[in-house]
């Protein structure tokens, strides 16, 4: 199953922890977004899988709801479920 990673707020992509074809694990930070007030928002998902598309890079300006990446979700259940 494919899942999209959506930006939670408007701001600047300060850090990208993943790249195209990266393997990600649930609760692992993927992006850091800094909003206009200087607050930092970590983008974390509760799924594991492989990045199939990466739509942003560091220093990109983003708005709430924009797709940051797409993940091909694993089909198996992990121990933290």
PDB file of N, CA and C in Angstrom:
ATOM      1  N   UNK A   1       0.847  -1.169   0.000  1.00  0.00           N
ATOM      2  CA  UNK A   1       0.000   0.000   0.000  1.00  0.00           C
ATOM      3  C   UNK A   1       0.894   1.234   0.000  1.00  0.00           C
ATOM      4  N   UNK A   2       0.555   2.221  -0.805  1.00  0.00           N
ATOM      5  CA  UNK A   2       1.288   3.480  -0.832  1.00  0.00           C
ATOM      6  C   UNK A   2       0.619   4.480   0.098  1.00  0.00           C
ATOM      7  N   UNK A   3       1.433   5.237   0.785  1.00  0.00           N
ATOM      8  CA  UNK A   3       0.941   6.245   1.710  1.00  0.00           C
ATOM      9  C   UNK A   3       1.698   7.534   1.454  1.00  0.00           C
ATOM     10  N   UNK A   4       1.001   8.660   1.531  1.00  0.00           N
ATOM     11  CA  UNK A   4       1.665   9.951   1.347  1.00  0.00           C
ATOM     12  C   UNK A   4       2.021  10.552   2.697  1.00  0.00           C
ATOM     13  N   UNK A   5       3.125  11.279   2.717  1.00  0.00           N
ATOM     14  CA  UNK A   5       3.564  12.014   3.894  1.00  0.00           C
ATOM     15  C   UNK A   5       3.218  13.474   3.629  1.00  0.00           C
ATOM     16  N   UNK A   6       2.332  14.034   4.452  1.00  0.00           N
ATOM     17  CA  UNK A   6       1.791  15.363   4.229  1.00  0.00           C
ATOM     18  C   UNK A   6       2.370  16.342   5.246  1.00  0.00           C
ATOM     19  N   UNK A   7       2.671  17.544   4.781  1.00  0.00           N
ATOM     20  CA  UNK A   7       3.224  18.580   5.645  1.00  0.00           C
ATOM     21  C   UNK A   7       2.158  19.060   6.639  1.00  0.00           C
ATOM     22  N   UNK A   8       2.500  19.116   7.939  1.00  0.00           N
ATOM     23  CA  UNK A   8       1.523  19.512   8.952  1.00  0.00           C
ATOM     24  C   UNK A   8       1.357  21.019   9.123  1.00  0.00           C
ATOM     25  N   UNK A   9       2.286  21.819   8.551  1.00  0.00           N
ATOM     26  CA  UNK A   9       2.234  23.265   8.776  1.00  0.00           C
ATOM     27  C   UNK A   9       2.935  24.001   7.634  1.00  0.00           C
ATOM     28  N   UNK A  10       2.785  25.312   7.616  1.00  0.00           N
ATOM     29  CA  UNK A  10       3.493  26.148   6.649  1.00  0.00           C
ATOM     30  C   UNK A  10       4.863  26.483   7.204  1.00  0.00           C
ATOM     31  N   UNK A  11       5.878  26.450   6.361  1.00  0.00           N
ATOM     32  CA  UNK A  11       7.218  26.796   6.826  1.00  0.00           C
ATOM     33  C   UNK A  11       8.295  26.428   5.834  1.00  0.00           C
ATOM     34  N   UNK A  12       9.490  26.212   6.365  1.00  0.00           N
ATOM     35  CA  UNK A  12      10.669  25.859   5.572  1.00  0.00           C
ATOM     36  C   UNK A  12      11.123  24.455   5.983  1.00  0.00           C
ATOM     37  N   UNK A  13      11.454  23.624   5.002  1.00  0.00           N
ATOM     38  CA  UNK A  13      11.999  22.302   5.294  1.00  0.00           C
ATOM     39  C   UNK A  13      13.427  22.516   5.796  1.00  0.00           C
ATOM     40  N   UNK A  14      13.606  22.318   7.082  1.00  0.00           N
ATOM     41  CA  UNK A  14      14.911  22.555   7.696  1.00  0.00           C
ATOM     42  C   UNK A  14      15.826  21.338   7.584  1.00  0.00           C
ATOM     43  N   UNK A  15      15.254  20.145   7.686  1.00  0.00           N
ATOM     44  CA  UNK A  15      16.061  18.929   7.637  1.00  0.00           C
ATOM     45  C   UNK A  15      15.278  17.824   6.951  1.00  0.00           C
ATOM     46  N   UNK A  16      15.960  17.077   6.076  1.00  0.00           N
ATOM     47  CA  UNK A  16      15.393  15.896   5.432  1.00  0.00           C
ATOM     48  C   UNK A  16      16.256  14.721   5.853  1.00  0.00           C
ATOM     49  N   UNK A  17      15.675  13.781   6.600  1.00  0.00           N
ATOM     50  CA  UNK A  17      16.409  12.622   7.100  1.00  0.00           C
ATOM     51  C   UNK A  17      16.382  11.432   6.143  1.00  0.00           C
ATOM     52  N   UNK A  18      15.577  11.510   5.080  1.00  0.00           N
ATOM     53  CA  UNK A  18      15.414  10.392   4.159  1.00  0.00           C
ATOM     54  C   UNK A  18      15.843  10.805   2.762  1.00  0.00           C
ATOM     55  N   UNK A  19      16.034   9.818   1.899  1.00  0.00           N
ATOM     56  CA  UNK A  19      16.256  10.095   0.486  1.00  0.00           C
ATOM     57  C   UNK A  19      15.453   9.089  -0.321  1.00  0.00           C
ATOM     58  N   UNK A  20      15.459   9.267  -1.630  1.00  0.00           N
ATOM     59  CA  UNK A  20      14.713   8.367  -2.501  1.00  0.00           C
ATOM     60  C   UNK A  20      15.209   6.942  -2.281  1.00  0.00           C
ATOM     61  N   UNK A  21      14.309   6.029  -2.053  1.00  0.00           N
ATOM     62  CA  UNK A  21      14.572   4.605  -1.832  1.00  0.00           C
ATOM     63  C   UNK A  21      15.057   4.292  -0.415  1.00  0.00           C
ATOM     64  N   UNK A  22      15.025   5.275   0.500  1.00  0.00           N
ATOM     65  CA  UNK A  22      15.376   5.004   1.901  1.00  0.00           C
ATOM     66  C   UNK A  22      14.372   4.058   2.528  1.00  0.00           C
ATOM     67  N   UNK A  23      14.829   3.288   3.456  1.00  0.00           N
ATOM     68  CA  UNK A  23      13.961   2.449   4.288  1.00  0.00           C
ATOM     69  C   UNK A  23      13.673   3.248   5.550  1.00  0.00           C
ATOM     70  N   UNK A  24      12.406   3.380   5.907  1.00  0.00           N
ATOM     71  CA  UNK A  24      12.026   4.113   7.110  1.00  0.00           C
ATOM     72  C   UNK A  24      11.263   3.192   8.048  1.00  0.00           C
ATOM     73  N   UNK A  25      11.391   3.470   9.319  1.00  0.00           N
ATOM     74  CA  UNK A  25      10.740   2.667  10.353  1.00  0.00           C
ATOM     75  C   UNK A  25       9.763   3.547  11.110  1.00  0.00           C
ATOM     76  N   UNK A  26       8.667   2.944  11.595  1.00  0.00           N
ATOM     77  CA  UNK A  26       7.645   3.724  12.283  1.00  0.00           C
ATOM     78  C   UNK A  26       8.253   4.520  13.435  1.00  0.00           C
ATOM     79  N   UNK A  27       7.726   5.714  13.607  1.00  0.00           N
ATOM     80  CA  UNK A  27       8.110   6.668  14.643  1.00  0.00           C
ATOM     81  C   UNK A  27       9.503   7.261  14.430  1.00  0.00           C
ATOM     82  N   UNK A  28      10.101   7.026  13.275  1.00  0.00           N
ATOM     83  CA  UNK A  28      11.398   7.583  12.950  1.00  0.00           C
ATOM     84  C   UNK A  28      11.191   8.964  12.302  1.00  0.00           C
ATOM     85  N   UNK A  29      11.911  10.002  12.761  1.00  0.00           N
ATOM     86  CA  UNK A  29      11.758  11.325  12.136  1.00  0.00           C
ATOM     87  C   UNK A  29      12.138  11.283  10.661  1.00  0.00           C
ATOM     88  N   UNK A  30      11.332  11.951   9.837  1.00  0.00           N
ATOM     89  CA  UNK A  30      11.588  11.998   8.401  1.00  0.00           C
ATOM     90  C   UNK A  30      11.969  13.398   7.939  1.00  0.00           C
ATOM     91  N   UNK A  31      11.270  14.403   8.480  1.00  0.00           N
ATOM     92  CA  UNK A  31      11.502  15.795   8.101  1.00  0.00           C
ATOM     93  C   UNK A  31      11.405  16.673   9.335  1.00  0.00           C
ATOM     94  N   UNK A  32      12.039  17.844   9.266  1.00  0.00           N
ATOM     95  CA  UNK A  32      11.861  18.891  10.267  1.00  0.00           C
ATOM     96  C   UNK A  32      11.415  20.136   9.507  1.00  0.00           C
ATOM     97  N   UNK A  33      10.284  20.714   9.935  1.00  0.00           N
ATOM     98  CA  UNK A  33       9.736  21.919   9.326  1.00  0.00           C
ATOM     99  C   UNK A  33       9.796  23.043  10.366  1.00  0.00           C
ATOM    100  N   UNK A  34      10.331  24.209   9.983  1.00  0.00           N
ATOM    101  CA  UNK A  34      10.360  25.370  10.873  1.00  0.00           C
ATOM    102  C   UNK A  34       9.320  26.371  10.361  1.00  0.00           C
ATOM    103  N   UNK A  35       8.357  26.724  11.228  1.00  0.00           N
ATOM    104  CA  UNK A  35       7.306  27.648  10.820  1.00  0.00           C
ATOM    105  C   UNK A  35       7.775  29.102  10.941  1.00  0.00           C
ATOM    106  N   UNK A  36       6.938  30.038  10.545  1.00  0.00           N
ATOM    107  CA  UNK A  36       7.276  31.458  10.542  1.00  0.00           C
ATOM    108  C   UNK A  36       7.566  32.042  11.904  1.00  0.00           C
ATOM    109  N   UNK A  37       7.080  31.425  12.967  1.00  0.00           N
ATOM    110  CA  UNK A  37       7.340  31.883  14.330  1.00  0.00           C
ATOM    111  C   UNK A  37       8.596  31.237  14.925  1.00  0.00           C
ATOM    112  N   UNK A  38       9.267  30.391  14.151  1.00  0.00           N
ATOM    113  CA  UNK A  38      10.480  29.733  14.630  1.00  0.00           C
ATOM    114  C   UNK A  38      10.244  28.405  15.316  1.00  0.00           C
ATOM    115  N   UNK A  39       8.986  27.974  15.408  1.00  0.00           N
ATOM    116  CA  UNK A  39       8.677  26.669  16.009  1.00  0.00           C
ATOM    117  C   UNK A  39       9.079  25.548  15.067  1.00  0.00           C
ATOM    118  N   UNK A  40       9.533  24.442  15.632  1.00  0.00           N
ATOM    119  CA  UNK A  40       9.974  23.295  14.843  1.00  0.00           C
ATOM    120  C   UNK A  40       8.951  22.175  14.960  1.00  0.00           C
ATOM    121  N   UNK A  41       8.605  21.594  13.834  1.00  0.00           N
ATOM    122  CA  UNK A  41       7.652  20.481  13.774  1.00  0.00           C
ATOM    123  C   UNK A  41       8.358  19.285  13.139  1.00  0.00           C
ATOM    124  N   UNK A  42       8.469  18.183  13.880  1.00  0.00           N
ATOM    125  CA  UNK A  42       9.015  16.948  13.329  1.00  0.00           C
ATOM    126  C   UNK A  42       7.910  16.204  12.599  1.00  0.00           C
ATOM    127  N   UNK A  43       8.219  15.694  11.420  1.00  0.00           N
ATOM    128  CA  UNK A  43       7.262  14.898  10.658  1.00  0.00           C
ATOM    129  C   UNK A  43       7.643  13.431  10.858  1.00  0.00           C
ATOM    130  N   UNK A  44       6.743  12.689  11.508  1.00  0.00           N
ATOM    131  CA  UNK A  44       6.972  11.298  11.882  1.00  0.00           C
ATOM    132  C   UNK A  44       5.714  10.510  11.526  1.00  0.00           C
ATOM    133  N   UNK A  45       5.886   9.302  10.971  1.00  0.00           N
ATOM    134  CA  UNK A  45       4.740   8.450  10.655  1.00  0.00           C
ATOM    135  C   UNK A  45       4.728   7.226  11.546  1.00  0.00           C
ATOM    136  N   UNK A  46       3.560   6.613  11.654  1.00  0.00           N
ATOM    137  CA  UNK A  46       3.432   5.392  12.452  1.00  0.00           C
ATOM    138  C   UNK A  46       3.419   4.148  11.567  1.00  0.00           C
ATOM    139  N   UNK A  47       4.139   4.216  10.445  1.00  0.00           N
ATOM    140  CA  UNK A  47       4.269   3.072   9.535  1.00  0.00           C
ATOM    141  C   UNK A  47       5.729   2.887   9.134  1.00  0.00           C
ATOM    142  N   UNK A  48       6.052   1.686   8.701  1.00  0.00           N
ATOM    143  CA  UNK A  48       7.371   1.380   8.155  1.00  0.00           C
ATOM    144  C   UNK A  48       7.226   1.116   6.668  1.00  0.00           C
ATOM    145  N   UNK A  49       8.293   1.369   5.931  1.00  0.00           N
ATOM    146  CA  UNK A  49       8.264   1.084   4.501  1.00  0.00           C
ATOM    147  C   UNK A  49       9.455   1.682   3.794  1.00  0.00           C
ATOM    148  N   UNK A  50       9.305   1.825   2.479  1.00  0.00           N
ATOM    149  CA  UNK A  50      10.375   2.353   1.654  1.00  0.00           C
ATOM    150  C   UNK A  50       9.884   3.600   0.928  1.00  0.00           C
ATOM    151  N   UNK A  51      10.721   4.635   0.918  1.00  0.00           N
ATOM    152  CA  UNK A  51      10.377   5.864   0.202  1.00  0.00           C
ATOM    153  C   UNK A  51      10.310   5.544  -1.286  1.00  0.00           C
ATOM    154  N   UNK A  52       9.187   5.847  -1.904  1.00  0.00           N
ATOM    155  CA  UNK A  52       9.060   5.630  -3.345  1.00  0.00           C
ATOM    156  C   UNK A  52       9.217   6.942  -4.115  1.00  0.00           C
ATOM    157  N   UNK A  53       8.887   8.067  -3.474  1.00  0.00           N
ATOM    158  CA  UNK A  53       9.071   9.380  -4.095  1.00  0.00           C
ATOM    159  C   UNK A  53       9.373  10.396  -3.003  1.00  0.00           C
ATOM    160  N   UNK A  54      10.295  11.286  -3.292  1.00  0.00           N
ATOM    161  CA  UNK A  54      10.644  12.382  -2.387  1.00  0.00           C
ATOM    162  C   UNK A  54      10.356  13.669  -3.125  1.00  0.00           C
ATOM    163  N   UNK A  55       9.471  14.510  -2.583  1.00  0.00           N
ATOM    164  CA  UNK A  55       8.990  15.688  -3.304  1.00  0.00           C
ATOM    165  C   UNK A  55       9.617  17.005  -2.861  1.00  0.00           C
ATOM    166  N   UNK A  56      10.364  17.000  -1.763  1.00  0.00           N
ATOM    167  CA  UNK A  56      10.964  18.238  -1.264  1.00  0.00           C
ATOM    168  C   UNK A  56      12.429  18.014  -0.912  1.00  0.00           C
ATOM    169  N   UNK A  57      13.132  19.115  -0.732  1.00  0.00           N
ATOM    170  CA  UNK A  57      14.507  19.072  -0.259  1.00  0.00           C
ATOM    171  C   UNK A  57      14.693  20.166   0.775  1.00  0.00           C
ATOM    172  N   UNK A  58      15.811  20.146   1.462  1.00  0.00           N
ATOM    173  CA  UNK A  58      16.072  21.147   2.497  1.00  0.00           C
ATOM    174  C   UNK A  58      15.997  22.545   1.902  1.00  0.00           C
ATOM    175  N   UNK A  59      15.455  23.464   2.700  1.00  0.00           N
ATOM    176  CA  UNK A  59      15.267  24.882   2.365  1.00  0.00           C
ATOM    177  C   UNK A  59      14.084  25.156   1.451  1.00  0.00           C
ATOM    178  N   UNK A  60      13.305  24.135   1.075  1.00  0.00           N
ATOM    179  CA  UNK A  60      12.078  24.367   0.310  1.00  0.00           C
ATOM    180  C   UNK A  60      11.030  24.994   1.215  1.00  0.00           C
ATOM    181  N   UNK A  61      10.270  25.933   0.670  1.00  0.00           N
ATOM    182  CA  UNK A  61       9.130  26.520   1.386  1.00  0.00           C
ATOM    183  C   UNK A  61       7.928  25.630   1.118  1.00  0.00           C
ATOM    184  N   UNK A  62       7.209  25.249   2.173  1.00  0.00           N
ATOM    185  CA  UNK A  62       6.059  24.351   2.052  1.00  0.00           C
ATOM    186  C   UNK A  62       4.845  24.948   2.755  1.00  0.00           C
ATOM    187  N   UNK A  63       3.683  24.468   2.359  1.00  0.00           N
ATOM    188  CA  UNK A  63       2.438  24.869   3.013  1.00  0.00           C
ATOM    189  C   UNK A  63       1.776  23.633   3.607  1.00  0.00           C
ATOM    190  N   UNK A  64       0.876  23.860   4.513  1.00  0.00           N
ATOM    191  CA  UNK A  64       0.146  22.771   5.153  1.00  0.00           C
ATOM    192  C   UNK A  64      -0.582  21.958   4.093  1.00  0.00           C
ATOM    193  N   UNK A  65      -0.442  20.653   4.156  1.00  0.00           N
ATOM    194  CA  UNK A  65      -1.135  19.764   3.236  1.00  0.00           C
ATOM    195  C   UNK A  65      -0.339  19.356   2.009  1.00  0.00           C
ATOM    196  N   UNK A  66       0.801  19.998   1.766  1.00  0.00           N
ATOM    197  CA  UNK A  66       1.600  19.622   0.594  1.00  0.00           C
ATOM    198  C   UNK A  66       2.236  18.243   0.843  1.00  0.00           C
ATOM    199  N   UNK A  67       2.349  17.439  -0.209  1.00  0.00           N
ATOM    200  CA  UNK A  67       2.927  16.104  -0.087  1.00  0.00           C
ATOM    201  C   UNK A  67       4.454  16.223  -0.057  1.00  0.00           C
ATOM    202  N   UNK A  68       5.059  15.700   1.021  1.00  0.00           N
ATOM    203  CA  UNK A  68       6.509  15.727   1.183  1.00  0.00           C
ATOM    204  C   UNK A  68       7.163  14.502   0.551  1.00  0.00           C
ATOM    205  N   UNK A  69       6.513  13.345   0.681  1.00  0.00           N
ATOM    206  CA  UNK A  69       7.062  12.088   0.167  1.00  0.00           C
ATOM    207  C   UNK A  69       5.946  11.062   0.038  1.00  0.00           C
ATOM    208  N   UNK A  70       6.254   9.980  -0.665  1.00  0.00           N
ATOM    209  CA  UNK A  70       5.363   8.825  -0.757  1.00  0.00           C
ATOM    210  C   UNK A  70       6.124   7.615  -0.249  1.00  0.00           C
ATOM    211  N   UNK A  71       5.420   6.741   0.479  1.00  0.00           N
ATOM    212  CA  UNK A  71       6.030   5.548   1.069  1.00  0.00           C
ATOM    213  C   UNK A  71       5.275   4.316   0.609  1.00  0.00           C
ATOM    214  N   UNK A  72       6.017   3.294   0.230  1.00  0.00           N
ATOM    215  CA  UNK A  72       5.438   1.987  -0.031  1.00  0.00           C
ATOM    216  C   UNK A  72       5.457   1.257   1.308  1.00  0.00           C
ATOM    217  N   UNK A  73       4.298   1.176   1.929  1.00  0.00           N
ATOM    218  CA  UNK A  73       4.172   0.646   3.286  1.00  0.00           C
ATOM    219  C   UNK A  73       4.415  -0.858   3.341  1.00  0.00           C
ATOM    220  N   UNK A  74       5.080  -1.309   4.428  1.00  0.00           N
ATOM    221  CA  UNK A  74       5.281  -2.743   4.656  1.00  0.00           C
ATOM    222  C   UNK A  74       3.945  -3.424   4.890  1.00  0.00           C
ATOM    223  N   UNK A  75       3.886  -4.703   4.536  1.00  0.00           N
ATOM    224  CA  UNK A  75       2.658  -5.483   4.693  1.00  0.00           C
ATOM    225  C   UNK A  75       2.584  -6.218   6.017  1.00  0.00           C
ATOM    226  N   UNK A  76       3.662  -6.191   6.820  1.00  0.00           N
ATOM    227  CA  UNK A  76       3.647  -6.957   8.050  1.00  0.00           C
ATOM    228  C   UNK A  76       3.446  -6.051   9.262  1.00  0.00           C
ATOM    229  N   UNK A  77       2.954  -6.629  10.346  1.00  0.00           N
ATOM    230  CA  UNK A  77       2.683  -5.911  11.583  1.00  0.00           C
ATOM    231  C   UNK A  77       3.943  -5.948  12.440  1.00  0.00           C
ATOM    232  N   UNK A  78       4.282  -4.799  13.070  1.00  0.00           N
ATOM    233  CA  UNK A  78       5.465  -4.744  13.898  1.00  0.00           C
ATOM    234  C   UNK A  78       5.103  -4.883  15.372  1.00  0.00           C
ATOM    235  N   UNK A  79       6.106  -5.022  16.219  1.00  0.00           N
ATOM    236  CA  UNK A  79       5.887  -5.227  17.628  1.00  0.00           C
ATOM    237  C   UNK A  79       5.330  -4.045  18.374  1.00  0.00           C
ATOM    238  N   UNK A  80       5.347  -2.851  17.788  1.00  0.00           N
ATOM    239  CA  UNK A  80       4.847  -1.677  18.509  1.00  0.00           C
ATOM    240  C   UNK A  80       3.378  -1.396  18.223  1.00  0.00           C
ATOM    241  N   UNK A  81       2.736  -2.218  17.409  1.00  0.00           N
ATOM    242  CA  UNK A  81       1.313  -2.005  17.098  1.00  0.00           C
ATOM    243  C   UNK A  81       0.446  -2.336  18.297  1.00  0.00           C
TER     244      UNK A  81
END
